[in-house]
Amino acid sequence: MGPSNFKALNGNKTKKLRAGIERDPIWSPIHAGTGMSRLAPPWGRDQVRWLSDGYYVLRLATEEQSRWFLGCGLSWRNAFPHERTFRRSAIDKGAVIERLAMNPWPAHLGVDFPFQEWRAVLAQAIEKSETVLDSGHITLWRLEQLPEVLSSFQGNCVVLDGHHSRRAQRNLRLKKFFGWVEALDSPQLQVRAIHRSGWLAQWLDELIASRSIMRLERGSEPQPWQMNCSQVVEVVQADKRWWCEVCDFEKGETALDALTRMAKGRVLFRSSSSFEEILNWLENVEVDTALRLPAPTKEYVLQRSLERKLFPQKATYFYPKIPFGLLVQDLRQELE
């Protein structure tokens, strides 16, 4: 076959592939089930109450507010991680998923969809549907079809939690991965930075000596200390606290960019969202240094994800968490 014929044939394949991608919906129904008691992790298929194919609507209600989620299969091309994934964790989860032929770890995703409209659409969709689970605080419905406004939605999702599970499923070559989706601007959904700790003093000394970072006694006062603008990160040690600053200002690098670059490929940190826990580690000499990251916003997480810029591993903490073991995906057909 000559070069021109090969190019033409390859071009036809590319056109077909693109056409298939354009027709591929962002979300799709899944065959799923839920834990039969206490919503505990269902580590065996006999512990699961299978609920058939469909889309699942979850409401987590309190006296003040309620959160609404859509459980479905997600298209890879429309769902983006915002943090790096620990490869070892993804491999371990993939081995469990393959052995059980089901996924006990749904991803948690945020979508840029107005919260009030999101809640109204899902609430209207389940009006004539019977619940498949109702514990008062947790209510679950199954839908055979999505409302038109959602089925025609062409936006993108950001993986807020469950990056390792998502990567594990991709490693297993699954066509879709399962996740819970909610509106990113839901008032109950919050995000904060993870404080990262470990034996970092020598590493920081090496970076300062090589002029990769600059040691400062004070942080930058004029602008808010947020991930999207800060060029400093706070260093907390048992006997002192100080600031370090990235030196490559001309590239517009932020503290988050620098930490992502410098920590790439190295597992350097323990993580905690509690500053008190960090202080206890320092006091008990379990670590020698903590890095306190700037405060993130949900909007900044979305922005970086869509720009394909990843945060370091475990850089953020989204809360409240979704109950673990509430819904699992049956993968017997996909793994055959």
Protein backbone atom coordinates (compact mmCIF):
# COMPACT_ATOMS: atom_id res chain seq x y z
CA MET A 1 0.00 0.00 0.00
CA GLY A 2 1.43 3.39 -1.02
CA PRO A 3 1.74 6.36 1.38
CA SER A 4 -1.17 8.23 -0.22
CA ASN A 5 -3.53 5.24 0.02
CA PHE A 6 -2.52 4.63 3.64
CA LYS A 7 -3.15 8.31 4.45
CA ALA A 8 -6.60 8.19 2.84
CA LEU A 9 -7.56 5.00 4.69
CA ASN A 10 -6.29 6.37 7.99
CA GLY A 11 -8.22 9.59 7.35
CA ASN A 12 -11.47 7.65 6.90
CA LYS A 13 -10.86 5.84 10.19
CA THR A 14 -10.26 9.17 11.91
CA LYS A 15 -13.52 10.58 10.54
CA LYS A 16 -15.46 7.56 11.81
CA LEU A 17 -13.79 7.83 15.19
CA ARG A 18 -14.63 11.52 15.48
CA ALA A 19 -18.23 10.87 14.43
CA GLY A 20 -18.50 8.20 17.14
CA ILE A 21 -17.09 10.55 19.76
CA GLU A 22 -19.54 13.31 18.79
CA ARG A 23 -22.47 10.90 19.19
CA ASP A 24 -21.17 9.55 22.49
CA PRO A 25 -23.28 10.99 25.32
CA ILE A 26 -21.57 12.55 28.32
CA TRP A 27 -23.45 10.31 30.71
CA SER A 28 -25.14 6.96 30.26
CA PRO A 29 -27.18 4.45 32.32
CA ILE A 30 -25.37 1.83 34.38
CA HIS A 31 -26.20 -1.52 35.93
CA ALA A 32 -25.81 -0.82 39.62
CA GLY A 33 -26.71 -1.89 43.12
CA THR A 34 -26.43 -0.76 46.71
CA GLY A 35 -25.21 -2.26 49.98
CA MET A 36 -27.99 -4.15 51.74
CA SER A 37 -27.15 -3.08 55.28
CA ARG A 38 -25.61 0.00 56.89
CA LEU A 39 -24.30 1.20 53.52
CA ALA A 40 -21.07 -0.60 54.39
CA PRO A 41 -18.43 -1.25 51.74
CA PRO A 42 -19.82 -4.20 49.72
CA TRP A 43 -16.72 -6.34 49.30
CA GLY A 44 -18.69 -9.29 47.90
CA ARG A 45 -21.38 -9.51 45.23
CA ASP A 46 -23.72 -11.30 47.64
CA GLN A 47 -23.76 -8.18 49.83
CA VAL A 48 -25.27 -6.05 47.08
CA ARG A 49 -28.91 -5.46 46.24
CA TRP A 50 -28.85 -5.12 42.45
CA LEU A 51 -31.17 -2.40 41.15
CA SER A 52 -31.05 -2.92 37.36
CA ASP A 53 -30.02 -0.48 34.61
CA GLY A 54 -30.67 3.21 34.80
CA TYR A 55 -29.63 6.61 36.02
CA TYR A 56 -29.69 7.12 39.77
CA VAL A 57 -30.76 10.24 41.62
CA LEU A 58 -29.47 10.67 45.17
CA ARG A 59 -30.68 13.22 47.70
CA LEU A 60 -28.73 13.79 50.91
CA ALA A 61 -31.01 15.87 53.11
CA THR A 62 -30.56 17.79 56.35
CA GLU A 63 -32.98 20.10 58.10
CA GLU A 64 -31.37 23.11 56.44
CA GLN A 65 -30.35 21.98 52.95
CA SER A 66 -30.27 19.07 50.53
CA ARG A 67 -27.68 17.95 48.00
CA TRP A 68 -28.77 16.39 44.71
CA PHE A 69 -26.59 13.97 42.74
CA LEU A 70 -26.87 12.12 39.44
CA GLY A 71 -25.32 8.65 39.38
CA CYS A 72 -24.35 7.50 35.89
CA GLY A 73 -21.63 6.30 33.56
CA LEU A 74 -19.32 9.14 32.57
CA SER A 75 -17.63 9.70 29.22
CA TRP A 76 -13.84 9.99 29.51
CA ARG A 77 -13.70 12.90 27.07
CA ASN A 78 -15.94 15.09 29.25
CA ALA A 79 -14.56 14.33 32.71
CA PHE A 80 -11.25 15.75 33.83
CA PRO A 81 -9.22 15.05 36.97
CA HIS A 82 -7.93 18.05 38.90
CA GLU A 83 -5.20 16.22 40.87
CA ARG A 84 -2.41 13.85 39.99
CA THR A 85 -3.05 10.19 40.77
CA PHE A 86 -0.81 7.93 42.82
CA ARG A 87 -0.07 5.12 40.35
CA ARG A 88 0.25 2.47 43.07
CA SER A 89 -3.21 3.27 44.47
CA ALA A 90 -4.76 3.03 41.00
CA ILE A 91 -3.10 -0.35 40.38
CA ASP A 92 -4.31 -1.71 43.74
CA LYS A 93 -7.88 -0.51 43.16
CA GLY A 94 -7.85 -1.91 39.65
CA ALA A 95 -6.91 -5.36 40.99
CA VAL A 96 -9.87 -5.30 43.42
CA ILE A 97 -12.29 -4.02 40.75
CA GLU A 98 -11.20 -6.74 38.32
CA ARG A 99 -11.46 -9.50 40.92
CA LEU A 100 -14.94 -8.45 42.10
CA ALA A 101 -16.18 -7.48 38.61
CA MET A 102 -17.72 -4.41 40.24
CA ASN A 103 -16.62 -0.95 41.30
CA PRO A 104 -17.23 -0.08 44.97
CA TRP A 105 -15.58 3.36 44.57
CA PRO A 106 -17.74 5.83 42.61
CA ALA A 107 -15.96 9.03 41.66
CA HIS A 108 -17.39 12.35 42.86
CA LEU A 109 -17.64 15.00 40.15
CA GLY A 110 -18.70 18.62 39.92
CA VAL A 111 -20.40 20.12 36.89
CA ASP A 112 -20.74 23.77 35.88
CA PHE A 113 -24.55 23.77 36.00
CA PRO A 114 -26.61 26.31 38.04
CA PHE A 115 -27.35 24.70 41.39
CA GLN A 116 -31.00 25.80 41.65
CA GLU A 117 -31.76 24.56 38.13
CA TRP A 118 -29.87 21.29 38.75
CA ARG A 119 -31.92 20.62 41.89
CA ALA A 120 -35.21 21.57 40.20
CA VAL A 121 -34.58 19.33 37.18
CA LEU A 122 -33.70 16.27 39.29
CA ALA A 123 -36.55 16.90 41.75
CA GLN A 124 -39.04 17.06 38.89
CA ALA A 125 -37.59 13.92 37.27
CA ILE A 126 -38.24 11.75 40.35
CA GLU A 127 -41.76 13.05 41.14
CA LYS A 128 -43.49 9.92 39.77
CA SER A 129 -40.70 7.46 40.58
CA GLU A 130 -40.68 5.12 43.55
CA THR A 131 -37.71 5.22 45.86
CA VAL A 132 -35.33 2.26 45.85
CA LEU A 133 -33.78 3.34 49.15
CA ASP A 134 -35.02 5.76 51.80
CA SER A 135 -33.38 6.15 55.18
CA GLY A 136 -34.71 9.65 55.87
CA HIS A 137 -31.38 11.37 55.38
CA ILE A 138 -30.53 9.35 52.26
CA THR A 139 -33.02 8.84 49.43
CA LEU A 140 -32.30 7.05 46.15
CA TRP A 141 -34.35 6.84 42.94
CA ARG A 142 -33.78 5.05 39.64
CA LEU A 143 -34.64 6.68 36.29
CA GLU A 144 -34.84 4.92 32.95
CA GLN A 145 -34.34 8.17 31.05
CA LEU A 146 -32.85 11.56 31.77
CA PRO A 147 -34.75 14.85 31.43
CA GLU A 148 -34.11 16.55 28.09
CA VAL A 149 -32.14 19.42 29.64
CA LEU A 150 -29.61 16.93 31.05
CA SER A 151 -29.49 14.49 28.13
CA SER A 152 -28.66 17.38 25.78
CA PHE A 153 -26.13 18.96 28.15
CA GLN A 154 -22.70 19.24 26.48
CA GLY A 155 -20.55 20.62 29.29
CA ASN A 156 -17.63 19.14 31.18
CA CYS A 157 -17.24 17.51 34.60
CA VAL A 158 -14.37 17.81 37.04
CA VAL A 159 -13.35 14.85 39.23
CA LEU A 160 -13.36 16.18 42.79
CA ASP A 161 -12.73 12.87 44.56
CA GLY A 162 -12.06 9.32 43.35
CA HIS A 163 -9.13 10.00 41.02
CA HIS A 164 -7.54 6.62 41.79
CA SER A 165 -10.75 4.73 41.00
CA ARG A 166 -11.15 6.65 37.76
CA ARG A 167 -7.60 5.82 36.69
CA ALA A 168 -8.05 2.17 37.73
CA GLN A 169 -11.09 1.82 35.49
CA ARG A 170 -9.29 3.45 32.61
CA ASN A 171 -6.37 1.05 33.10
CA LEU A 172 -8.91 -1.79 32.79
CA ARG A 173 -10.01 -0.30 29.43
CA LEU A 174 -13.60 0.28 30.50
CA LYS A 175 -15.57 2.41 28.05
CA LYS A 176 -17.15 4.46 30.85
CA PHE A 177 -16.48 5.09 34.49
CA PHE A 178 -19.10 5.46 37.20
CA GLY A 179 -19.54 8.60 39.26
CA TRP A 180 -21.83 10.83 41.26
CA VAL A 181 -22.27 14.29 39.74
CA GLU A 182 -23.50 17.42 41.49
CA ALA A 183 -23.58 21.13 40.69
CA LEU A 184 -20.21 22.63 41.55
CA ASP A 185 -21.80 25.73 43.08
CA SER A 186 -23.88 23.68 45.53
CA PRO A 187 -23.73 25.70 48.78
CA GLN A 188 -23.01 22.60 50.86
CA LEU A 189 -20.01 21.54 48.78
CA GLN A 190 -16.83 23.03 50.22
CA VAL A 191 -13.15 22.76 49.37
CA ARG A 192 -10.04 23.47 51.39
CA ALA A 193 -6.33 22.94 50.98
CA ILE A 194 -4.59 19.90 52.36
CA HIS A 195 -1.66 20.63 54.69
CA ARG A 196 1.22 18.49 53.49
CA SER A 197 3.84 17.18 55.87
CA GLY A 198 6.84 14.91 56.10
CA TRP A 199 10.62 14.89 56.43
CA LEU A 200 10.99 17.92 54.17
CA ALA A 201 13.62 20.11 55.88
CA GLN A 202 16.57 18.70 53.90
CA TRP A 203 14.60 18.84 50.64
CA LEU A 204 13.74 22.51 51.25
CA ASP A 205 17.36 23.32 52.13
CA GLU A 206 18.45 21.82 48.80
CA LEU A 207 15.86 23.86 46.89
CA ILE A 208 16.94 27.06 48.64
CA ALA A 209 20.63 26.32 47.93
CA SER A 210 19.84 25.76 44.23
CA ARG A 211 17.72 28.96 44.21
CA SER A 212 14.63 27.02 43.12
CA ILE A 213 12.78 28.81 45.91
CA MET A 214 13.55 31.85 48.03
CA ARG A 215 13.17 31.99 51.80
CA LEU A 216 11.18 34.95 53.14
CA GLU A 217 10.34 36.07 56.63
CA ARG A 218 6.93 37.42 55.58
CA GLY A 219 4.40 36.47 52.98
CA SER A 220 3.01 38.71 50.26
CA GLU A 221 0.52 41.09 51.86
CA PRO A 222 -1.06 43.06 48.96
CA GLN A 223 -3.08 40.21 47.39
CA PRO A 224 -5.31 37.54 48.93
CA TRP A 225 -3.47 34.35 49.84
CA GLN A 226 -5.22 32.11 47.33
CA MET A 227 -3.97 29.41 45.00
CA ASN A 228 -4.73 31.34 41.84
CA CYS A 229 -2.48 34.32 42.71
CA SER A 230 -0.09 33.38 45.52
CA GLN A 231 3.64 33.07 44.91
CA VAL A 232 4.30 31.94 48.45
CA VAL A 233 3.63 28.91 50.61
CA GLU A 234 3.98 28.83 54.41
CA VAL A 235 6.48 26.45 56.01
CA VAL A 236 5.63 25.28 59.54
CA GLN A 237 8.26 23.60 61.69
CA ALA A 238 8.39 22.69 65.37
CA ASP A 239 10.25 25.85 66.42
CA LYS A 240 9.45 28.35 63.66
CA ARG A 241 7.21 29.36 60.77
CA TRP A 242 8.41 31.05 57.59
CA TRP A 243 7.48 31.62 53.95
CA CYS A 244 9.05 30.35 50.76
CA GLU A 245 8.57 32.00 47.40
CA VAL A 246 9.01 30.75 43.85
CA CYS A 247 11.65 32.66 41.89
CA ASP A 248 10.47 32.25 38.30
CA PHE A 249 8.14 35.27 38.26
CA GLU A 250 8.52 35.87 34.51
CA LYS A 251 6.62 32.67 33.67
CA GLY A 252 3.75 33.71 35.93
CA GLU A 253 4.28 30.69 38.15
CA THR A 254 2.22 30.42 41.32
CA ALA A 255 3.11 28.57 44.51
CA LEU A 256 0.83 25.73 43.40
CA ASP A 257 2.54 25.49 40.00
CA ALA A 258 5.95 25.40 41.66
CA LEU A 259 4.95 22.73 44.15
CA THR A 260 3.43 20.63 41.34
CA ARG A 261 6.66 20.93 39.34
CA MET A 262 9.06 20.29 42.23
CA ALA A 263 7.16 17.37 43.74
CA LYS A 264 6.51 15.58 40.43
CA GLY A 265 7.36 11.92 40.63
CA ARG A 266 8.25 12.05 44.31
CA VAL A 267 6.03 10.90 47.17
CA LEU A 268 7.15 13.40 49.77
CA PHE A 269 4.16 14.12 51.90
CA ARG A 270 1.72 13.04 54.51
CA SER A 271 -1.49 14.98 54.18
CA SER A 272 -4.12 16.35 56.51
CA SER A 273 -6.82 18.98 56.20
CA SER A 274 -6.50 19.67 59.93
CA PHE A 275 -3.84 22.14 61.04
CA GLU A 276 -4.19 20.81 64.60
CA GLU A 277 -3.26 17.33 63.41
CA ILE A 278 -0.18 18.76 61.69
CA LEU A 279 0.88 20.45 64.93
CA ASN A 280 0.46 17.13 66.78
CA TRP A 281 2.70 15.40 64.21
CA LEU A 282 5.35 18.10 64.69
CA GLU A 283 5.09 17.89 68.46
CA ASN A 284 5.45 14.09 68.41
CA VAL A 285 8.37 14.34 65.94
CA GLU A 286 6.49 12.25 63.38
CA VAL A 287 7.38 14.89 60.75
CA ASP A 288 9.85 17.78 60.70
CA THR A 289 8.06 20.16 58.35
CA ALA A 290 4.59 21.04 57.10
CA LEU A 291 3.73 23.03 53.97
CA ARG A 292 0.55 25.04 54.30
CA LEU A 293 -0.97 25.55 50.86
CA PRO A 294 -2.97 28.65 49.89
CA ALA A 295 -6.75 28.47 50.01
CA PRO A 296 -8.39 27.16 46.80
CA THR A 297 -11.81 28.03 45.42
CA LYS A 298 -14.16 25.71 43.55
CA GLU A 299 -14.00 28.03 40.55
CA TYR A 300 -10.20 27.79 40.46
CA VAL A 301 -10.34 23.99 40.63
CA LEU A 302 -12.70 24.02 37.62
CA GLN A 303 -10.52 26.49 35.71
CA ARG A 304 -7.29 24.54 36.14
CA SER A 305 -8.96 21.24 35.30
CA LEU A 306 -10.33 22.53 32.01
CA GLU A 307 -6.91 24.00 31.23
CA ARG A 308 -5.45 20.48 31.84
CA LYS A 309 -3.27 21.76 34.70
CA LEU A 310 -3.20 19.25 37.52
CA PHE A 311 -2.81 19.91 41.24
CA PRO A 312 -0.26 17.86 43.21
CA GLN A 313 -1.57 14.61 44.71
CA LYS A 314 -3.87 15.20 47.68
CA ALA A 315 -3.72 18.99 47.34
CA THR A 316 -7.42 19.56 48.09
CA TYR A 317 -10.16 18.19 50.29
CA PHE A 318 -13.81 18.33 49.20
CA TYR A 319 -16.48 17.88 51.87
CA PRO A 320 -19.00 16.69 52.98
CA LYS A 321 -18.16 13.28 51.53
CA ILE A 322 -20.73 11.03 49.84
CA PRO A 323 -21.60 7.90 51.90
CA PHE A 324 -19.24 5.11 50.88
CA GLY A 325 -20.77 1.88 49.58
CA LEU A 326 -24.10 3.51 48.71
CA LEU A 327 -23.99 2.45 45.07
CA VAL A 328 -21.71 0.10 43.13
CA GLN A 329 -21.37 -0.64 39.44
CA ASP A 330 -21.70 -4.13 37.95
CA LEU A 331 -18.81 -4.73 35.52
CA ARG A 332 -19.26 -8.37 34.57
CA GLN A 333 -20.13 -7.64 30.93
CA GLU A 334 -17.51 -4.92 30.51
CA LEU A 335 -14.69 -7.03 31.95
CA GLU A 336 -15.42 -10.13 29.87
